[in-house]
Amino acid sequence: TALRDIADLEQLGLAFYSETGRSGGYH
């Protein structure tokens, strides 16, 4: 559900990029 919500938030205009690794996450 969280992954689907992130995709929906992106459709709503939330601009972000994701990084993997220790300091990763959604920026």
PDB file of all heavy atoms in Angstrom:
ATOM      1  N   THR A   1       0.843  -1.207   0.000  1.00  0.00           N
ATOM      2  CA  THR A   1       0.000   0.000   0.000  1.00  0.00           C
ATOM      3  C   THR A   1       0.871   1.247   0.000  1.00  0.00           C
ATOM      4  O   THR A   1       0.583   2.218  -0.716  1.00  0.00           O
ATOM      5  CB  THR A   1      -0.948  -0.008   1.217  1.00  0.00           C
ATOM      6  OG1 THR A   1      -1.766  -1.176   1.159  1.00  0.00           O
ATOM      7  CG2 THR A   1      -1.830   1.228   1.247  1.00  0.00           C
ATOM      8  N   ALA A   2       1.954   1.241   0.770  1.00  0.00           N
ATOM      9  CA  ALA A   2       2.866   2.386   0.816  1.00  0.00           C
ATOM     10  C   ALA A   2       3.480   2.637  -0.562  1.00  0.00           C
ATOM     11  O   ALA A   2       3.580   3.787  -1.007  1.00  0.00           O
ATOM     12  CB  ALA A   2       3.947   2.163   1.862  1.00  0.00           C
ATOM     13  N   LEU A   3       3.862   1.579  -1.251  1.00  0.00           N
ATOM     14  CA  LEU A   3       4.430   1.726  -2.602  1.00  0.00           C
ATOM     15  C   LEU A   3       3.388   2.287  -3.581  1.00  0.00           C
ATOM     16  O   LEU A   3       3.697   3.156  -4.399  1.00  0.00           O
ATOM     17  CB  LEU A   3       4.963   0.382  -3.101  1.00  0.00           C
ATOM     18  CG  LEU A   3       6.266  -0.086  -2.452  1.00  0.00           C
ATOM     19  CD1 LEU A   3       6.554  -1.537  -2.813  1.00  0.00           C
ATOM     20  CD2 LEU A   3       7.425   0.811  -2.855  1.00  0.00           C
ATOM     21  N   ARG A   4       2.155   1.797  -3.469  1.00  0.00           N
ATOM     22  CA  ARG A   4       1.081   2.329  -4.327  1.00  0.00           C
ATOM     23  C   ARG A   4       0.826   3.804  -3.997  1.00  0.00           C
ATOM     24  O   ARG A   4       0.630   4.620  -4.897  1.00  0.00           O
ATOM     25  CB  ARG A   4      -0.211   1.523  -4.154  1.00  0.00           C
ATOM     26  CG  ARG A   4      -0.201   0.205  -4.916  1.00  0.00           C
ATOM     27  CD  ARG A   4      -1.604  -0.409  -4.975  1.00  0.00           C
ATOM     28  NE  ARG A   4      -2.170  -0.667  -3.664  1.00  0.00           N
ATOM     29  CZ  ARG A   4      -2.057  -1.810  -3.001  1.00  0.00           C
ATOM     30  NH1 ARG A   4      -1.385  -2.812  -3.527  1.00  0.00           N
ATOM     31  NH2 ARG A   4      -2.622  -1.962  -1.826  1.00  0.00           N
ATOM     32  N   ASP A   5       0.833   4.138  -2.707  1.00  0.00           N
ATOM     33  CA  ASP A   5       0.617   5.532  -2.309  1.00  0.00           C
ATOM     34  C   ASP A   5       1.723   6.436  -2.840  1.00  0.00           C
ATOM     35  O   ASP A   5       1.456   7.558  -3.284  1.00  0.00           O
ATOM     36  CB  ASP A   5       0.529   5.647  -0.784  1.00  0.00           C
ATOM     37  CG  ASP A   5      -0.795   5.149  -0.240  1.00  0.00           C
ATOM     38  OD1 ASP A   5      -1.664   4.727  -1.038  1.00  0.00           O
ATOM     39  OD2 ASP A   5      -0.963   5.173   1.000  1.00  0.00           O
ATOM     40  N   ILE A   6       2.964   5.974  -2.802  1.00  0.00           N
ATOM     41  CA  ILE A   6       4.070   6.777  -3.321  1.00  0.00           C
ATOM     42  C   ILE A   6       3.879   7.024  -4.817  1.00  0.00           C
ATOM     43  O   ILE A   6       4.087   8.143  -5.298  1.00  0.00           O
ATOM     44  CB  ILE A   6       5.424   6.093  -3.023  1.00  0.00           C
ATOM     45  CG1 ILE A   6       5.729   6.193  -1.523  1.00  0.00           C
ATOM     46  CG2 ILE A   6       6.554   6.727  -3.835  1.00  0.00           C
ATOM     47  CD1 ILE A   6       6.919   5.391  -1.061  1.00  0.00           C
ATOM     48  N   ALA A   7       3.446   6.015  -5.533  1.00  0.00           N
ATOM     49  CA  ALA A   7       3.174   6.183  -6.967  1.00  0.00           C
ATOM     50  C   ALA A   7       2.030   7.188  -7.181  1.00  0.00           C
ATOM     51  O   ALA A   7       2.103   8.046  -8.066  1.00  0.00           O
ATOM     52  CB  ALA A   7       2.831   4.840  -7.601  1.00  0.00           C
ATOM     53  N   ASP A   8       1.000   7.103  -6.351  1.00  0.00           N
ATOM     54  CA  ASP A   8      -0.122   8.044  -6.454  1.00  0.00           C
ATOM     55  C   ASP A   8       0.304   9.461  -6.079  1.00  0.00           C
ATOM     56  O   ASP A   8      -0.133  10.432  -6.707  1.00  0.00           O
ATOM     57  CB  ASP A   8      -1.287   7.601  -5.562  1.00  0.00           C
ATOM     58  CG  ASP A   8      -1.976   6.342  -6.085  1.00  0.00           C
ATOM     59  OD1 ASP A   8      -1.839   6.046  -7.286  1.00  0.00           O
ATOM     60  OD2 ASP A   8      -2.631   5.657  -5.269  1.00  0.00           O
ATOM     61  N   LEU A   9       1.146   9.589  -5.065  1.00  0.00           N
ATOM     62  CA  LEU A   9       1.650  10.912  -4.677  1.00  0.00           C
ATOM     63  C   LEU A   9       2.469  11.532  -5.807  1.00  0.00           C
ATOM     64  O   LEU A   9       2.412  12.736  -6.044  1.00  0.00           O
ATOM     65  CB  LEU A   9       2.476  10.820  -3.391  1.00  0.00           C
ATOM     66  CG  LEU A   9       1.697  10.502  -2.116  1.00  0.00           C
ATOM     67  CD1 LEU A   9       2.643  10.218  -0.961  1.00  0.00           C
ATOM     68  CD2 LEU A   9       0.738  11.622  -1.757  1.00  0.00           C
ATOM     69  N   GLU A  10       3.218  10.693  -6.515  1.00  0.00           N
ATOM     70  CA  GLU A  10       3.980  11.182  -7.657  1.00  0.00           C
ATOM     71  C   GLU A  10       3.035  11.692  -8.741  1.00  0.00           C
ATOM     72  O   GLU A  10       3.267  12.737  -9.349  1.00  0.00           O
ATOM     73  CB  GLU A  10       4.883  10.074  -8.194  1.00  0.00           C
ATOM     74  CG  GLU A  10       5.817  10.539  -9.293  1.00  0.00           C
ATOM     75  CD  GLU A  10       6.774   9.457  -9.747  1.00  0.00           C
ATOM     76  OE1 GLU A  10       6.447   8.259  -9.592  1.00  0.00           O
ATOM     77  OE2 GLU A  10       7.838   9.815 -10.263  1.00  0.00           O
ATOM     78  N   GLN A  11       1.921  10.979  -8.965  1.00  0.00           N
ATOM     79  CA  GLN A  11       0.919  11.414  -9.941  1.00  0.00           C
ATOM     80  C   GLN A  11       0.284  12.743  -9.532  1.00  0.00           C
ATOM     81  O   GLN A  11      -0.097  13.542 -10.377  1.00  0.00           O
ATOM     82  CB  GLN A  11      -0.174  10.351 -10.099  1.00  0.00           C
ATOM     83  CG  GLN A  11       0.278   9.085 -10.786  1.00  0.00           C
ATOM     84  CD  GLN A  11       0.596   9.328 -12.247  1.00  0.00           C
ATOM     85  OE1 GLN A  11      -0.061  10.136 -12.906  1.00  0.00           O
ATOM     86  NE2 GLN A  11       1.614   8.659 -12.761  1.00  0.00           N
ATOM     87  N   LEU A  12       0.179  12.963  -8.216  1.00  0.00           N
ATOM     88  CA  LEU A  12      -0.406  14.205  -7.700  1.00  0.00           C
ATOM     89  C   LEU A  12       0.569  15.375  -7.746  1.00  0.00           C
ATOM     90  O   LEU A  12       0.212  16.498  -7.423  1.00  0.00           O
ATOM     91  CB  LEU A  12      -0.897  13.998  -6.259  1.00  0.00           C
ATOM     92  CG  LEU A  12      -2.110  13.093  -6.096  1.00  0.00           C
ATOM     93  CD1 LEU A  12      -2.351  12.792  -4.617  1.00  0.00           C
ATOM     94  CD2 LEU A  12      -3.343  13.747  -6.708  1.00  0.00           C
ATOM     95  N   GLY A  13       1.822  15.109  -8.105  1.00  0.00           N
ATOM     96  CA  GLY A  13       2.784  16.195  -8.241  1.00  0.00           C
ATOM     97  C   GLY A  13       3.926  16.176  -7.250  1.00  0.00           C
ATOM     98  O   GLY A  13       4.754  17.090  -7.251  1.00  0.00           O
ATOM     99  N   LEU A  14       4.006  15.172  -6.398  1.00  0.00           N
ATOM    100  CA  LEU A  14       5.125  15.074  -5.466  1.00  0.00           C
ATOM    101  C   LEU A  14       6.371  14.691  -6.263  1.00  0.00           C
ATOM    102  O   LEU A  14       6.428  13.621  -6.869  1.00  0.00           O
ATOM    103  CB  LEU A  14       4.853  14.021  -4.390  1.00  0.00           C
ATOM    104  CG  LEU A  14       5.977  13.757  -3.392  1.00  0.00           C
ATOM    105  CD1 LEU A  14       6.266  15.007  -2.568  1.00  0.00           C
ATOM    106  CD2 LEU A  14       5.626  12.603  -2.473  1.00  0.00           C
ATOM    107  N   ALA A  15       7.334  15.598  -6.305  1.00  0.00           N
ATOM    108  CA  ALA A  15       8.563  15.345  -7.057  1.00  0.00           C
ATOM    109  C   ALA A  15       9.613  14.785  -6.110  1.00  0.00           C
ATOM    110  O   ALA A  15       9.932  15.391  -5.086  1.00  0.00           O
ATOM    111  CB  ALA A  15       9.054  16.636  -7.702  1.00  0.00           C
ATOM    112  N   PHE A  16      10.142  13.615  -6.459  1.00  0.00           N
ATOM    113  CA  PHE A  16      11.155  12.982  -5.621  1.00  0.00           C
ATOM    114  C   PHE A  16      12.002  12.052  -6.477  1.00  0.00           C
ATOM    115  O   PHE A  16      11.666  11.751  -7.625  1.00  0.00           O
ATOM    116  CB  PHE A  16      10.515  12.193  -4.475  1.00  0.00           C
ATOM    117  CG  PHE A  16       9.659  11.041  -4.925  1.00  0.00           C
ATOM    118  CD1 PHE A  16      10.205   9.780  -5.147  1.00  0.00           C
ATOM    119  CD2 PHE A  16       8.305  11.210  -5.142  1.00  0.00           C
ATOM    120  CE1 PHE A  16       9.425   8.727  -5.572  1.00  0.00           C
ATOM    121  CE2 PHE A  16       7.521  10.157  -5.574  1.00  0.00           C
ATOM    122  CZ  PHE A  16       8.078   8.914  -5.798  1.00  0.00           C
ATOM    123  N   TYR A  17      13.114  11.636  -5.930  1.00  0.00           N
ATOM    124  CA  TYR A  17      13.927  10.584  -6.534  1.00  0.00           C
ATOM    125  C   TYR A  17      14.326   9.639  -5.422  1.00  0.00           C
ATOM    126  O   TYR A  17      14.330   9.993  -4.254  1.00  0.00           O
ATOM    127  CB  TYR A  17      15.150  11.155  -7.265  1.00  0.00           C
ATOM    128  CG  TYR A  17      16.125  11.895  -6.380  1.00  0.00           C
ATOM    129  CD1 TYR A  17      17.226  11.242  -5.822  1.00  0.00           C
ATOM    130  CD2 TYR A  17      15.961  13.255  -6.105  1.00  0.00           C
ATOM    131  CE1 TYR A  17      18.118  11.910  -5.006  1.00  0.00           C
ATOM    132  CE2 TYR A  17      16.845  13.937  -5.296  1.00  0.00           C
ATOM    133  CZ  TYR A  17      17.931  13.258  -4.750  1.00  0.00           C
ATOM    134  OH  TYR A  17      18.821  13.922  -3.944  1.00  0.00           O
ATOM    135  N   SER A  18      14.633   8.412  -5.789  1.00  0.00           N
ATOM    136  CA  SER A  18      14.981   7.433  -4.767  1.00  0.00           C
ATOM    137  C   SER A  18      16.448   7.048  -4.893  1.00  0.00           C
ATOM    138  O   SER A  18      17.010   7.033  -5.989  1.00  0.00           O
ATOM    139  CB  SER A  18      14.092   6.201  -4.873  1.00  0.00           C
ATOM    140  OG  SER A  18      14.255   5.585  -6.128  1.00  0.00           O
ATOM    141  N   GLU A  19      17.040   6.774  -3.745  1.00  0.00           N
ATOM    142  CA  GLU A  19      18.418   6.305  -3.677  1.00  0.00           C
ATOM    143  C   GLU A  19      18.460   5.058  -2.828  1.00  0.00           C
ATOM    144  O   GLU A  19      17.765   4.966  -1.812  1.00  0.00           O
ATOM    145  CB  GLU A  19      19.326   7.369  -3.052  1.00  0.00           C
ATOM    146  CG  GLU A  19      19.681   8.498  -3.976  1.00  0.00           C
ATOM    147  CD  GLU A  19      20.722   9.435  -3.372  1.00  0.00           C
ATOM    148  OE1 GLU A  19      21.183   9.201  -2.228  1.00  0.00           O
ATOM    149  OE2 GLU A  19      21.071  10.406  -4.043  1.00  0.00           O
ATOM    150  N   THR A  20      19.291   4.104  -3.235  1.00  0.00           N
ATOM    151  CA  THR A  20      19.458   2.891  -2.452  1.00  0.00           C
ATOM    152  C   THR A  20      20.701   3.030  -1.579  1.00  0.00           C
ATOM    153  O   THR A  20      21.499   3.949  -1.742  1.00  0.00           O
ATOM    154  CB  THR A  20      19.613   1.660  -3.380  1.00  0.00           C
ATOM    155  OG1 THR A  20      20.730   1.880  -4.243  1.00  0.00           O
ATOM    156  CG2 THR A  20      18.358   1.447  -4.199  1.00  0.00           C
ATOM    157  N   GLY A  21      20.824   2.139  -0.661  1.00  0.00           N
ATOM    158  CA  GLY A  21      22.010   2.141   0.187  1.00  0.00           C
ATOM    159  C   GLY A  21      21.733   2.707   1.563  1.00  0.00           C
ATOM    160  O   GLY A  21      20.602   3.007   1.929  1.00  0.00           O
ATOM    161  N   ARG A  22      22.814   2.858   2.324  1.00  0.00           N
ATOM    162  CA  ARG A  22      22.712   3.288   3.724  1.00  0.00           C
ATOM    163  C   ARG A  22      22.030   4.646   3.886  1.00  0.00           C
ATOM    164  O   ARG A  22      21.210   4.848   4.765  1.00  0.00           O
ATOM    165  CB  ARG A  22      24.103   3.315   4.335  1.00  0.00           C
ATOM    166  CG  ARG A  22      24.105   3.806   5.753  1.00  0.00           C
ATOM    167  CD  ARG A  22      25.449   3.679   6.344  1.00  0.00           C
ATOM    168  NE  ARG A  22      25.324   2.679   7.404  1.00  0.00           N
ATOM    169  CZ  ARG A  22      26.279   2.306   8.186  1.00  0.00           C
ATOM    170  NH1 ARG A  22      27.472   2.789   8.016  1.00  0.00           N
ATOM    171  NH2 ARG A  22      26.070   1.427   9.127  1.00  0.00           N
ATOM    172  N   SER A  23      22.377   5.598   3.071  1.00  0.00           N
ATOM    173  CA  SER A  23      21.742   6.925   3.178  1.00  0.00           C
ATOM    174  C   SER A  23      20.636   7.084   2.139  1.00  0.00           C
ATOM    175  O   SER A  23      20.306   8.186   1.741  1.00  0.00           O
ATOM    176  CB  SER A  23      22.786   8.028   3.010  1.00  0.00           C
ATOM    177  OG  SER A  23      23.355   7.946   1.703  1.00  0.00           O
ATOM    178  N   GLY A  24      20.072   5.973   1.710  1.00  0.00           N
ATOM    179  CA  GLY A  24      19.042   6.002   0.685  1.00  0.00           C
ATOM    180  C   GLY A  24      17.694   6.436   1.219  1.00  0.00           C
ATOM    181  O   GLY A  24      17.551   6.907   2.336  1.00  0.00           O
ATOM    182  N   GLY A  25      16.713   6.270   0.406  1.00  0.00           N
ATOM    183  CA  GLY A  25      15.349   6.660   0.734  1.00  0.00           C
ATOM    184  C   GLY A  25      14.781   7.476  -0.407  1.00  0.00           C
ATOM    185  O   GLY A  25      15.344   7.551  -1.495  1.00  0.00           O
ATOM    186  N   TYR A  26      13.664   8.097  -0.161  1.00  0.00           N
ATOM    187  CA  TYR A  26      13.021   8.965  -1.138  1.00  0.00           C
ATOM    188  C   TYR A  26      13.373  10.403  -0.793  1.00  0.00           C
ATOM    189  O   TYR A  26      13.078  10.879   0.299  1.00  0.00           O
ATOM    190  CB  TYR A  26      11.502   8.759  -1.114  1.00  0.00           C
ATOM    191  CG  TYR A  26      11.091   7.367  -1.557  1.00  0.00           C
ATOM    192  CD1 TYR A  26      10.920   6.346  -0.632  1.00  0.00           C
ATOM    193  CD2 TYR A  26      10.890   7.096  -2.899  1.00  0.00           C
ATOM    194  CE1 TYR A  26      10.546   5.075  -1.033  1.00  0.00           C
ATOM    195  CE2 TYR A  26      10.515   5.821  -3.320  1.00  0.00           C
ATOM    196  CZ  TYR A  26      10.348   4.820  -2.376  1.00  0.00           C
ATOM    197  OH  TYR A  26       9.983   3.571  -2.781  1.00  0.00           O
ATOM    198  N   HIS A  27      14.018  11.072  -1.734  1.00  0.00           N
ATOM    199  CA  HIS A  27      14.437  12.463  -1.540  1.00  0.00           C
ATOM    200  C   HIS A  27      13.448  13.370  -2.256  1.00  0.00           C
ATOM    201  O   HIS A  27      13.281  13.277  -3.476  1.00  0.00           O
ATOM    202  CB  HIS A  27      15.849  12.683  -2.094  1.00  0.00           C
ATOM    203  CG  HIS A  27      16.888  11.860  -1.391  1.00  0.00           C
ATOM    204  ND1 HIS A  27      17.656  12.380  -0.378  1.00  0.00           N
ATOM    205  CD2 HIS A  27      17.263  10.561  -1.527  1.00  0.00           C
ATOM    206  CE1 HIS A  27      18.480  11.441   0.070  1.00  0.00           C
ATOM    207  NE2 HIS A  27      18.251  10.320  -0.616  1.00  0.00           N
TER     208      HIS A  27
END
